[in-house]
C-alpha atoms as a PDB file:
ATOM      1  CA  MET A   1     100.117  84.396  88.597  1.00  0.00           C
ATOM      2  CA  TYR A   2     100.027  81.734  91.311  1.00  0.00           C
ATOM      3  CA  SER A   3     103.443  82.708  92.645  1.00  0.00           C
ATOM      4  CA  ARG A   4     102.537  86.389  92.966  1.00  0.00           C
ATOM      5  CA  HIS A   5      99.342  85.504  94.744  1.00  0.00           C
ATOM      6  CA  THR A   6     101.253  83.213  97.093  1.00  0.00           C
ATOM      7  CA  LEU A   7     103.810  85.881  97.975  1.00  0.00           C
ATOM      8  CA  ARG A   8     101.021  88.427  98.428  1.00  0.00           C
ATOM      9  CA  GLU A   9      99.392  86.089 100.921  1.00  0.00           C
ATOM     10  CA  GLY A  10     102.577  85.966 102.963  1.00  0.00           C
ATOM     11  CA  ALA A  11     104.334  82.833 101.743  1.00  0.00           C
ATOM     12  CA  ARG A  12     108.060  82.715 102.262  1.00  0.00           C
ATOM     13  CA  ALA A  13     110.160  83.450  99.189  1.00  0.00           C
ATOM     14  CA  GLU A  14     112.098  80.234  99.868  1.00  0.00           C
ATOM     15  CA  ASP A  15     108.932  78.167  99.524  1.00  0.00           C
ATOM     16  CA  VAL A  16     107.885  79.890  96.307  1.00  0.00           C
ATOM     17  CA  TRP A  17     111.420  79.478  94.952  1.00  0.00           C
ATOM     18  CA  GLY A  18     111.221  75.743  95.607  1.00  0.00           C
ATOM     19  CA  ILE A  19     107.830  75.435  93.924  1.00  0.00           C
ATOM     20  CA  LEU A  20     108.807  77.448  90.855  1.00  0.00           C
ATOM     21  CA  GLY A  21     112.253  75.919  90.503  1.00  0.00           C
ATOM     22  CA  HIS A  22     114.140  79.137  89.779  1.00  0.00           C
ATOM     23  CA  ALA A  23     117.919  78.814  89.467  1.00  0.00           C
ATOM     24  CA  ASN A  24     118.333  80.525  92.832  1.00  0.00           C
ATOM     25  CA  ILE A  25     116.287  82.474  95.330  1.00  0.00           C
ATOM     26  CA  ASP A  26     117.581  85.814  94.017  1.00  0.00           C
ATOM     27  CA  VAL A  27     115.639  85.239  90.798  1.00  0.00           C
ATOM     28  CA  THR A  28     112.412  84.689  92.748  1.00  0.00           C
ATOM     29  CA  GLN A  29     112.978  87.738  94.927  1.00  0.00           C
ATOM     30  CA  ASN A  30     113.949  90.007  92.042  1.00  0.00           C
ATOM     31  CA  VAL A  31     110.949  88.995  89.944  1.00  0.00           C
ATOM     32  CA  TYR A  32     108.304  89.233  92.665  1.00  0.00           C
ATOM     33  CA  ARG A  33     109.693  91.876  95.034  1.00  0.00           C
ATOM     34  CA  LYS A  34     108.452  94.670  92.778  1.00  0.00           C
ATOM     35  CA  ASN A  35     104.852  93.753  93.544  1.00  0.00           C
ATOM     36  CA  ARG A  36     105.445  94.273  97.263  1.00  0.00           C
ATOM     37  CA  TRP A  37     106.968  97.732  96.667  1.00  0.00           C
ATOM     38  CA  GLU A  38     104.079  98.699  94.381  1.00  0.00           C
ATOM     39  CA  LYS A  39     101.617  97.822  97.148  1.00  0.00           C
ATOM     40  CA  ARG A  40     103.567  99.922  99.662  1.00  0.00           C
ATOM     41  CA  GLU A  41     103.718 102.840  97.245  1.00  0.00           C
ATOM     42  CA  THR A  42      99.969 102.647  96.644  1.00  0.00           C
ATOM     43  CA  ALA A  43      99.263 102.520 100.378  1.00  0.00           C
ATOM     44  CA  ALA A  44     101.508 105.508 101.047  1.00  0.00           C
ATOM     45  CA  THR A  45      99.901 107.506  98.238  1.00  0.00           C
ATOM     46  CA  GLN A  46      96.437 106.733  99.579  1.00  0.00           C
ATOM     47  CA  ALA A  47      97.463 107.718 103.112  1.00  0.00           C
ATOM     48  CA  VAL A  48      98.854 111.059 101.938  1.00  0.00           C
ATOM     49  CA  ALA A  49      95.693 111.738  99.919  1.00  0.00           C
ATOM     50  CA  ALA A  50      93.497 110.936 102.924  1.00  0.00           C
ATOM     51  CA  MET A  51      95.524 113.178 105.236  1.00  0.00           C
ATOM     52  CA  THR A  52      95.460 116.014 102.699  1.00  0.00           C
ATOM     53  CA  LYS A  53      91.694 115.722 102.339  1.00  0.00           C
ATOM     54  CA  ALA A  54      91.234 115.666 106.115  1.00  0.00           C
ATOM     55  CA  ALA A  55      93.388 118.778 106.490  1.00  0.00           C
ATOM     56  CA  GLN A  56      91.430 120.571 103.762  1.00  0.00           C
ATOM     57  CA  ASN A  57      88.130 119.642 105.409  1.00  0.00           C
ATOM     58  CA  ALA A  58      89.386 120.853 108.789  1.00  0.00           C
ATOM     59  CA  GLU A  59      90.470 124.138 107.238  1.00  0.00           C
ATOM     60  CA  LYS A  60      87.048 124.589 105.612  1.00  0.00           C
ATOM     61  CA  GLU A  61      85.354 123.946 108.963  1.00  0.00           C
ATOM     62  CA  GLU A  62      87.648 126.404 110.663  1.00  0.00           C
ATOM     63  CA  ASN A  63      86.959 129.130 108.128  1.00  0.00           C
ATOM     64  CA  ARG A  64      83.190 128.573 107.991  1.00  0.00           C
ATOM     65  CA  PRO A  65      81.210 131.527 109.355  1.00  0.00           C
ATOM     66  CA  GLU A  66      79.293 130.856 112.536  1.00  0.00           C
END
């Protein structure tokens, strides 16, 4: 838990590797890299949803009778 939080806050993988004592840095990166990709995927999904909603709202405004 602590190591994920540390990486999420921007700590260098080398520092976390040293604290956790993994056999090598690849272990640290392989274990905790997934969290970073999940965050990016969530952000991208949210951005697409927001853009889709904005486009739908604009279309509704455009088609609204005056």
